[in-house]
Amino acid sequence: MKLSPEGNIFVYPLLIITGFLFWFWSIDQISIYLPACIGIILLFCLNFFRDPERLVPMGINHIVSPADGKIISIRTQDDDYQVVSIFLNIFDVHVNRMPITGTIMDIEYNKGKFLMAFEHNACDENERNIITINSLIGTIRLVQIAGLIARRIICYANKGKEIEIGDRIGFMRFGSRIDLILPTKINLEVKLGQKVMGNTTIIGTFE
């Protein structure tokens, strides 16, 4: 399993520390509890920062999920748009991917609070990064929202750059939420409470 580069500053130091601690334990210098605890943290980080290969479904008339997680909200916005909110818990893959091929028109970072990401007003009050994309079906927005634990929003998109569907666009550290803002002409294929997989689950289709 490939690891996301965002995890390097966590995984490699923990790997070295774990190795040394188990060596000290092997020569009866310390108890097993400390190396075991650090080893568990290492395994957690290996799981959290995994970056599996995902194949995008064939076709050009669909929008794929930008992340792994659970659909916690589907609502309309200003009559012309609909918002699909995806909550990522600490066990989900946290790589963010491009939901549709398009050009990055704008990137707007907003400082804010760190409310629980599944709360409704988190989209307005929390620290967030709004990525505006010009695509085949018009303007869509992908909003990276920090949560109570997630304190680092990473965005790789650059204004004016065209990015293919499925390409990596960012990463969220330790729990977060993604809001996908789509035109109402998109026919949604997901429902509230559904588990979705980045690059694999089709969020909606269009003519």
Protein backbone atom coordinates (compact mmCIF):
# COMPACT_ATOMS: atom_id res chain seq x y z
CA MET A 1 0.00 0.00 0.00
CA LYS A 2 1.41 3.37 -1.02
CA LEU A 3 1.63 6.05 1.66
CA SER A 4 0.74 9.68 1.10
CA PRO A 5 3.80 11.99 1.38
CA GLU A 6 1.92 14.09 3.95
CA GLY A 7 2.58 11.31 6.44
CA ASN A 8 6.37 11.25 6.11
CA ILE A 9 6.98 13.61 9.05
CA PHE A 10 4.95 11.28 11.26
CA VAL A 11 5.70 7.79 9.96
CA TYR A 12 9.50 7.86 9.61
CA PRO A 13 10.29 9.32 13.07
CA LEU A 14 7.81 6.90 14.67
CA LEU A 15 9.39 4.01 12.76
CA ILE A 16 12.85 4.92 14.05
CA ILE A 17 11.64 5.47 17.63
CA THR A 18 9.69 2.20 17.61
CA GLY A 19 12.76 0.33 16.36
CA PHE A 20 14.97 1.74 19.10
CA LEU A 21 12.40 1.09 21.82
CA PHE A 22 11.95 -2.54 20.80
CA TRP A 23 15.74 -2.92 20.77
CA PHE A 24 15.94 -1.56 24.35
CA TRP A 25 13.14 -3.94 25.33
CA SER A 26 14.99 -6.88 23.74
CA ILE A 27 17.99 -6.25 26.01
CA ASP A 28 15.75 -5.89 29.09
CA GLN A 29 16.27 -2.14 29.50
CA ILE A 30 12.60 -1.11 29.39
CA SER A 31 9.13 -2.58 29.75
CA ILE A 32 7.22 -3.78 26.66
CA TYR A 33 4.45 -1.24 27.27
CA LEU A 34 6.22 1.82 25.88
CA PRO A 35 7.39 0.29 22.57
CA ALA A 36 3.98 -1.37 22.20
CA CYS A 37 2.17 1.96 22.64
CA ILE A 38 4.43 3.76 20.17
CA GLY A 39 4.03 0.82 17.78
CA ILE A 40 0.24 1.20 17.94
CA ILE A 41 0.56 4.90 17.10
CA LEU A 42 2.80 3.96 14.17
CA LEU A 43 0.20 1.50 12.87
CA PHE A 44 -2.49 4.17 13.18
CA CYS A 45 -0.41 6.61 11.11
CA LEU A 46 0.34 3.94 8.49
CA ASN A 47 -3.39 3.37 8.16
CA PHE A 48 -4.34 7.07 8.21
CA PHE A 49 -1.83 8.16 5.55
CA ARG A 50 -2.49 5.32 3.12
CA ASP A 51 -3.01 6.37 -0.50
CA PRO A 52 -4.61 3.48 -2.42
CA GLU A 53 -4.82 3.43 -6.19
CA ARG A 54 -8.38 4.07 -7.35
CA LEU A 55 -9.74 3.69 -10.88
CA VAL A 56 -12.22 6.32 -12.06
CA PRO A 57 -15.39 4.86 -13.64
CA MET A 58 -15.46 5.03 -17.43
CA GLY A 59 -17.38 7.91 -19.03
CA ILE A 60 -17.38 11.71 -19.06
CA ASN A 61 -20.88 12.50 -17.80
CA HIS A 62 -20.41 11.89 -14.09
CA ILE A 63 -18.89 13.42 -10.98
CA VAL A 64 -16.97 11.15 -8.62
CA SER A 65 -16.56 11.46 -4.89
CA PRO A 66 -13.59 13.68 -3.96
CA ALA A 67 -12.94 11.69 -0.78
CA ASP A 68 -13.75 8.62 1.28
CA GLY A 69 -16.37 9.11 3.96
CA LYS A 70 -20.05 9.26 4.77
CA ILE A 71 -22.74 11.50 3.27
CA ILE A 72 -23.98 13.56 6.23
CA SER A 73 -25.98 16.23 4.40
CA ILE A 74 -27.66 16.86 1.05
CA ARG A 75 -29.27 20.27 0.71
CA THR A 76 -30.04 23.05 -1.77
CA GLN A 77 -28.25 26.39 -1.82
CA ASP A 78 -29.67 29.54 -3.41
CA ASP A 79 -31.99 27.42 -5.61
CA ASP A 80 -29.29 27.02 -8.28
CA TYR A 81 -26.94 24.75 -6.37
CA GLN A 82 -27.04 21.63 -4.24
CA VAL A 83 -24.51 20.74 -1.57
CA VAL A 84 -23.29 17.23 -0.78
CA SER A 85 -21.35 17.03 2.50
CA ILE A 86 -18.94 14.15 3.14
CA PHE A 87 -17.59 13.52 6.64
CA LEU A 88 -14.19 11.81 6.91
CA ASN A 89 -13.50 10.00 10.16
CA ILE A 90 -9.98 9.16 11.29
CA PHE A 91 -10.13 5.71 9.68
CA ASP A 92 -11.01 6.95 6.18
CA VAL A 93 -8.51 7.65 3.42
CA HIS A 94 -7.85 11.41 3.65
CA VAL A 95 -6.53 12.07 0.16
CA ASN A 96 -8.74 14.62 -1.67
CA ARG A 97 -9.29 14.07 -5.39
CA MET A 98 -10.64 16.03 -8.33
CA PRO A 99 -14.35 15.17 -8.80
CA ILE A 100 -14.43 16.18 -12.48
CA THR A 101 -11.98 17.37 -15.10
CA GLY A 102 -11.80 21.14 -15.03
CA THR A 103 -9.78 24.33 -14.62
CA ILE A 104 -9.09 25.83 -11.21
CA MET A 105 -10.63 29.30 -11.33
CA ASP A 106 -10.06 30.41 -7.75
CA ILE A 107 -8.78 29.21 -4.37
CA GLU A 108 -10.03 31.02 -1.27
CA TYR A 109 -8.69 30.20 2.18
CA ASN A 110 -10.69 31.30 5.21
CA LYS A 111 -9.54 31.14 8.81
CA GLY A 112 -12.17 30.11 11.29
CA LYS A 113 -13.18 27.95 14.20
CA PHE A 114 -12.64 24.22 14.74
CA LEU A 115 -16.15 22.92 15.40
CA MET A 116 -17.01 19.26 14.94
CA ALA A 117 -16.94 18.76 11.17
CA PHE A 118 -20.33 17.04 11.03
CA GLU A 119 -22.12 20.05 12.56
CA HIS A 120 -24.23 21.94 10.00
CA ASN A 121 -22.71 25.37 10.68
CA ALA A 122 -19.15 24.04 10.37
CA CYS A 123 -19.26 24.87 6.64
CA ASP A 124 -19.69 28.57 7.48
CA GLU A 125 -17.69 28.97 10.70
CA ASN A 126 -14.76 26.53 10.47
CA GLU A 127 -11.39 27.02 8.85
CA ARG A 128 -11.90 26.10 5.20
CA ASN A 129 -10.48 26.21 1.70
CA ILE A 130 -12.85 26.87 -1.21
CA ILE A 131 -11.71 25.59 -4.61
CA THR A 132 -13.74 26.91 -7.57
CA ILE A 133 -13.66 24.72 -10.68
CA ASN A 134 -14.82 25.51 -14.22
CA SER A 135 -16.01 22.25 -15.80
CA LEU A 136 -18.20 20.82 -18.56
CA ILE A 137 -21.30 21.45 -16.48
CA GLY A 138 -20.33 24.93 -15.33
CA THR A 139 -18.98 26.13 -12.03
CA ILE A 140 -18.66 23.71 -9.13
CA ARG A 141 -16.93 24.19 -5.79
CA LEU A 142 -15.05 21.84 -3.55
CA VAL A 143 -14.76 23.04 0.04
CA GLN A 144 -12.15 21.52 2.36
CA ILE A 145 -13.37 22.05 5.94
CA ALA A 146 -11.22 21.55 9.03
CA GLY A 147 -12.78 19.86 12.04
CA LEU A 148 -12.18 19.58 15.77
CA ILE A 149 -9.12 17.37 15.23
CA ALA A 150 -8.12 18.30 11.68
CA ARG A 151 -5.92 21.37 11.98
CA ARG A 152 -4.16 21.27 8.64
CA ILE A 153 -5.76 21.79 5.23
CA ILE A 154 -3.39 20.90 2.40
CA CYS A 155 -4.25 22.01 -1.15
CA TYR A 156 -2.19 21.20 -4.24
CA ALA A 157 -4.39 23.00 -6.76
CA ASN A 158 -3.03 26.06 -8.52
CA LYS A 159 -5.18 28.81 -10.00
CA GLY A 160 -5.47 28.54 -13.78
CA LYS A 161 -4.36 24.90 -13.94
CA GLU A 162 -6.46 22.20 -15.60
CA ILE A 163 -6.70 19.03 -13.52
CA GLU A 164 -8.02 15.67 -14.63
CA ILE A 165 -10.77 13.82 -12.82
CA GLY A 166 -9.33 11.62 -10.09
CA ASP A 167 -6.04 13.49 -9.68
CA ARG A 168 -4.88 14.34 -6.16
CA ILE A 169 -5.95 17.84 -5.19
CA GLY A 170 -5.25 17.93 -1.47
CA PHE A 171 -5.13 16.23 1.90
CA MET A 172 -6.77 16.74 5.32
CA ARG A 173 -4.94 15.73 8.49
CA PHE A 174 -6.87 13.83 11.14
CA GLY A 175 -10.60 14.00 10.50
CA SER A 176 -12.39 16.52 8.29
CA ARG A 177 -15.22 17.26 5.90
CA ILE A 178 -15.61 17.96 2.19
CA ASP A 179 -18.53 19.93 0.77
CA LEU A 180 -19.21 19.50 -2.94
CA ILE A 181 -21.32 22.35 -4.35
CA LEU A 182 -22.96 21.32 -7.64
CA PRO A 183 -25.50 22.83 -10.06
CA THR A 184 -29.05 21.58 -9.49
CA LYS A 185 -29.04 20.08 -13.01
CA ILE A 186 -26.75 17.34 -11.67
CA ASN A 187 -28.72 14.16 -10.98
CA LEU A 188 -27.46 12.93 -7.62
CA GLU A 189 -26.75 9.20 -7.33
CA VAL A 190 -26.04 9.16 -3.59
CA LYS A 191 -28.26 9.32 -0.52
CA LEU A 192 -27.98 10.51 3.06
CA GLY A 193 -25.96 8.17 5.26
CA GLN A 194 -24.24 6.42 2.34
CA LYS A 195 -20.56 5.49 2.53
CA VAL A 196 -18.58 6.76 -0.45
CA MET A 197 -15.10 6.09 -1.82
CA GLY A 198 -12.93 8.70 -3.46
CA ASN A 199 -12.57 8.26 -7.25
CA THR A 200 -14.89 5.25 -7.17
CA THR A 201 -18.36 6.33 -6.04
CA ILE A 202 -20.36 8.35 -8.56
CA ILE A 203 -21.86 11.36 -6.78
CA GLY A 204 -24.00 12.48 -9.72
CA THR A 205 -24.51 12.37 -13.47
CA PHE A 206 -25.39 14.93 -16.13
CA GLU A 207 -26.53 15.00 -19.75
